[in-house]
Amino acid sequence: MRRQTSIRVEDRFYKESEKVFDALGLSFGDAVNLFLAKVALEKKIPFEVGIPSDKLIERIHNIENNEDVEIYNTAEELFKELGI
């Protein structure tokens, strides 16, 4: 048996995710059913859900406002800076 539902989603998320679903050959409904099947199987949300740390919020702010941001041309430059 199938159940008809109605949900409201953010338009930008819908449009971006629809591109991914199309590439995978899935409809929006297929993707929602996959999500629900995974929840039912694992008895949990199938990804980590949490509150971002203050440090992460600060980093996001810096990136969005181009403040205190380092740009590296290669991964090697970044690794050298990190001492890796």
N, C-alpha and C. Protein backbone atom coordinates (compact mmCIF):
# COMPACT_ATOMS: atom_id res chain seq x y z
N MET A 1 0.84 -1.18 0.00
CA MET A 1 0.00 0.00 0.00
C MET A 1 0.89 1.24 0.00
N ARG A 2 0.48 2.27 -0.70
CA ARG A 2 1.22 3.52 -0.76
C ARG A 2 0.38 4.62 -0.12
N ARG A 3 1.04 5.57 0.53
CA ARG A 3 0.35 6.66 1.21
C ARG A 3 0.70 7.97 0.51
N GLN A 4 -0.31 8.76 0.23
CA GLN A 4 -0.12 10.08 -0.37
C GLN A 4 0.18 11.08 0.74
N THR A 5 1.25 11.85 0.59
CA THR A 5 1.59 12.88 1.57
C THR A 5 1.92 14.17 0.86
N SER A 6 1.99 15.22 1.62
CA SER A 6 2.38 16.52 1.09
C SER A 6 3.39 17.13 2.06
N ILE A 7 4.50 17.60 1.51
CA ILE A 7 5.52 18.23 2.36
C ILE A 7 5.96 19.54 1.73
N ARG A 8 6.43 20.43 2.57
CA ARG A 8 6.99 21.69 2.09
C ARG A 8 8.51 21.61 2.24
N VAL A 9 9.20 21.94 1.16
CA VAL A 9 10.66 21.90 1.18
C VAL A 9 11.19 23.23 0.65
N GLU A 10 12.41 23.54 1.04
CA GLU A 10 13.07 24.75 0.53
C GLU A 10 13.31 24.58 -0.97
N ASP A 11 12.93 25.57 -1.74
CA ASP A 11 13.03 25.51 -3.19
C ASP A 11 14.47 25.26 -3.65
N ARG A 12 15.44 25.94 -3.04
CA ARG A 12 16.83 25.78 -3.49
C ARG A 12 17.34 24.37 -3.22
N PHE A 13 16.94 23.78 -2.10
CA PHE A 13 17.36 22.40 -1.82
C PHE A 13 16.70 21.44 -2.79
N TYR A 14 15.43 21.69 -3.08
CA TYR A 14 14.70 20.83 -4.01
C TYR A 14 15.37 20.85 -5.38
N LYS A 15 15.67 22.05 -5.89
CA LYS A 15 16.26 22.18 -7.21
C LYS A 15 17.63 21.51 -7.29
N GLU A 16 18.46 21.73 -6.29
CA GLU A 16 19.80 21.15 -6.28
C GLU A 16 19.74 19.63 -6.14
N SER A 17 18.90 19.16 -5.24
CA SER A 17 18.81 17.70 -5.04
C SER A 17 18.17 17.03 -6.24
N GLU A 18 17.26 17.71 -6.91
CA GLU A 18 16.61 17.13 -8.09
C GLU A 18 17.64 16.81 -9.17
N LYS A 19 18.67 17.65 -9.30
CA LYS A 19 19.74 17.38 -10.27
C LYS A 19 20.46 16.08 -9.93
N VAL A 20 20.71 15.87 -8.64
CA VAL A 20 21.37 14.64 -8.20
C VAL A 20 20.48 13.44 -8.45
N PHE A 21 19.20 13.56 -8.07
CA PHE A 21 18.26 12.46 -8.27
C PHE A 21 18.14 12.10 -9.75
N ASP A 22 18.07 13.12 -10.61
CA ASP A 22 17.99 12.87 -12.05
C ASP A 22 19.21 12.10 -12.54
N ALA A 23 20.39 12.51 -12.08
CA ALA A 23 21.62 11.83 -12.48
C ALA A 23 21.63 10.37 -12.03
N LEU A 24 20.95 10.10 -10.92
CA LEU A 24 20.87 8.73 -10.39
C LEU A 24 19.68 7.96 -10.93
N GLY A 25 18.85 8.63 -11.74
CA GLY A 25 17.67 7.97 -12.29
C GLY A 25 16.55 7.82 -11.27
N LEU A 26 16.51 8.72 -10.29
CA LEU A 26 15.50 8.66 -9.23
C LEU A 26 14.55 9.83 -9.33
N SER A 27 13.31 9.59 -8.97
CA SER A 27 12.36 10.69 -8.81
C SER A 27 12.50 11.22 -7.39
N PHE A 28 11.86 12.34 -7.13
CA PHE A 28 11.86 12.88 -5.77
C PHE A 28 11.22 11.87 -4.82
N GLY A 29 10.11 11.28 -5.25
CA GLY A 29 9.43 10.28 -4.43
C GLY A 29 10.30 9.06 -4.15
N ASP A 30 11.05 8.61 -5.18
CA ASP A 30 11.99 7.49 -4.98
C ASP A 30 13.01 7.83 -3.90
N ALA A 31 13.55 9.05 -3.98
CA ALA A 31 14.57 9.47 -3.02
C ALA A 31 14.00 9.53 -1.61
N VAL A 32 12.79 10.05 -1.47
CA VAL A 32 12.15 10.11 -0.16
C VAL A 32 11.92 8.70 0.37
N ASN A 33 11.48 7.79 -0.51
CA ASN A 33 11.27 6.41 -0.09
C ASN A 33 12.58 5.74 0.34
N LEU A 34 13.68 6.05 -0.35
CA LEU A 34 14.99 5.52 0.07
C LEU A 34 15.35 6.02 1.47
N PHE A 35 15.13 7.31 1.69
CA PHE A 35 15.40 7.89 3.00
C PHE A 35 14.56 7.20 4.08
N LEU A 36 13.26 7.05 3.82
CA LEU A 36 12.37 6.43 4.80
C LEU A 36 12.74 4.96 5.04
N ALA A 37 13.14 4.26 3.98
CA ALA A 37 13.54 2.86 4.14
C ALA A 37 14.79 2.76 5.02
N LYS A 38 15.72 3.67 4.82
CA LYS A 38 16.95 3.68 5.62
C LYS A 38 16.63 3.99 7.08
N VAL A 39 15.74 4.93 7.33
CA VAL A 39 15.31 5.25 8.70
C VAL A 39 14.66 4.02 9.34
N ALA A 40 13.77 3.37 8.62
CA ALA A 40 13.08 2.20 9.16
C ALA A 40 14.07 1.07 9.44
N LEU A 41 15.04 0.89 8.56
CA LEU A 41 16.01 -0.18 8.73
C LEU A 41 16.95 0.07 9.91
N GLU A 42 17.45 1.30 10.02
CA GLU A 42 18.45 1.62 11.04
C GLU A 42 17.86 2.14 12.34
N LYS A 43 16.57 2.50 12.31
CA LYS A 43 15.89 3.06 13.49
C LYS A 43 16.58 4.34 13.97
N LYS A 44 17.04 5.14 13.00
CA LYS A 44 17.67 6.43 13.31
C LYS A 44 17.74 7.25 12.03
N ILE A 45 18.03 8.53 12.18
CA ILE A 45 18.30 9.36 11.01
C ILE A 45 19.61 8.86 10.41
N PRO A 46 19.66 8.58 9.11
CA PRO A 46 20.84 7.93 8.54
C PRO A 46 22.03 8.84 8.27
N PHE A 47 22.11 9.93 8.99
CA PHE A 47 23.28 10.81 8.93
C PHE A 47 23.35 11.56 10.24
N GLU A 48 24.51 12.14 10.49
CA GLU A 48 24.70 12.84 11.76
C GLU A 48 23.92 14.15 11.77
N VAL A 49 23.22 14.40 12.84
CA VAL A 49 22.49 15.65 13.02
C VAL A 49 23.02 16.28 14.30
N GLY A 50 23.45 17.52 14.22
CA GLY A 50 23.99 18.16 15.41
C GLY A 50 23.98 19.67 15.27
N ILE A 51 24.40 20.31 16.31
CA ILE A 51 24.48 21.75 16.36
C ILE A 51 25.93 22.14 16.08
N PRO A 52 26.18 23.04 15.12
CA PRO A 52 27.56 23.39 14.83
C PRO A 52 28.23 24.08 16.01
N SER A 53 29.53 23.83 16.15
CA SER A 53 30.29 24.45 17.23
C SER A 53 30.47 25.94 16.95
N ASP A 54 30.81 26.69 17.98
CA ASP A 54 31.07 28.12 17.82
C ASP A 54 32.20 28.35 16.83
N LYS A 55 33.22 27.47 16.86
CA LYS A 55 34.36 27.60 15.95
C LYS A 55 33.91 27.41 14.51
N LEU A 56 33.05 26.42 14.27
CA LEU A 56 32.55 26.19 12.92
C LEU A 56 31.71 27.37 12.45
N ILE A 57 30.86 27.90 13.31
CA ILE A 57 30.04 29.06 12.96
C ILE A 57 30.93 30.24 12.59
N GLU A 58 32.01 30.43 13.36
CA GLU A 58 32.96 31.51 13.08
C GLU A 58 33.62 31.30 11.72
N ARG A 59 34.01 30.06 11.43
CA ARG A 59 34.66 29.76 10.14
C ARG A 59 33.70 29.99 8.98
N ILE A 60 32.46 29.58 9.14
CA ILE A 60 31.45 29.81 8.09
C ILE A 60 31.28 31.30 7.85
N HIS A 61 31.18 32.07 8.94
CA HIS A 61 31.06 33.53 8.82
C HIS A 61 32.25 34.09 8.07
N ASN A 62 33.45 33.65 8.42
CA ASN A 62 34.66 34.15 7.77
C ASN A 62 34.66 33.84 6.28
N ILE A 63 34.27 32.63 5.92
CA ILE A 63 34.24 32.25 4.51
C ILE A 63 33.21 33.07 3.75
N GLU A 64 32.01 33.21 4.33
CA GLU A 64 30.95 33.97 3.67
C GLU A 64 31.32 35.44 3.50
N ASN A 65 32.13 35.97 4.42
CA ASN A 65 32.50 37.39 4.38
C ASN A 65 33.93 37.62 3.93
N ASN A 66 34.58 36.56 3.43
CA ASN A 66 35.95 36.62 2.94
C ASN A 66 36.89 37.29 3.96
N GLU A 67 36.75 36.88 5.21
CA GLU A 67 37.58 37.40 6.30
C GLU A 67 38.46 36.28 6.83
N ASP A 68 39.74 36.58 7.05
CA ASP A 68 40.66 35.63 7.67
C ASP A 68 40.60 34.27 6.98
N VAL A 69 40.67 34.30 5.63
CA VAL A 69 40.59 33.08 4.84
C VAL A 69 41.90 32.88 4.09
N GLU A 70 42.47 31.71 4.19
CA GLU A 70 43.68 31.36 3.45
C GLU A 70 43.30 30.57 2.21
N ILE A 71 43.90 30.92 1.09
CA ILE A 71 43.66 30.21 -0.16
C ILE A 71 44.95 29.49 -0.54
N TYR A 72 44.83 28.21 -0.85
CA TYR A 72 45.99 27.40 -1.25
C TYR A 72 45.79 26.96 -2.69
N ASN A 73 46.85 27.02 -3.47
CA ASN A 73 46.77 26.62 -4.88
C ASN A 73 46.82 25.12 -5.05
N THR A 74 47.44 24.43 -4.11
CA THR A 74 47.55 22.98 -4.20
C THR A 74 47.34 22.37 -2.81
N ALA A 75 47.02 21.12 -2.81
CA ALA A 75 46.90 20.39 -1.54
C ALA A 75 48.24 20.36 -0.83
N GLU A 76 49.32 20.28 -1.62
CA GLU A 76 50.66 20.23 -1.03
C GLU A 76 50.95 21.50 -0.21
N GLU A 77 50.52 22.66 -0.73
CA GLU A 77 50.69 23.92 0.02
C GLU A 77 49.95 23.86 1.35
N LEU A 78 48.73 23.37 1.32
CA LEU A 78 47.94 23.26 2.54
C LEU A 78 48.60 22.30 3.52
N PHE A 79 49.04 21.13 3.03
CA PHE A 79 49.69 20.15 3.89
C PHE A 79 50.95 20.72 4.52
N LYS A 80 51.71 21.48 3.73
CA LYS A 80 52.94 22.08 4.26
C LYS A 80 52.59 23.06 5.38
N GLU A 81 51.57 23.88 5.17
CA GLU A 81 51.12 24.84 6.19
C GLU A 81 50.67 24.12 7.46
N LEU A 82 50.02 22.97 7.28
CA LEU A 82 49.53 22.19 8.43
C LEU A 82 50.61 21.32 9.06
N GLY A 83 51.76 21.26 8.40
CA GLY A 83 52.85 20.43 8.92
C GLY A 83 52.63 18.96 8.71
N ILE A 84 51.93 18.64 7.66
CA ILE A 84 51.64 17.23 7.35
C ILE A 84 52.60 16.75 6.28
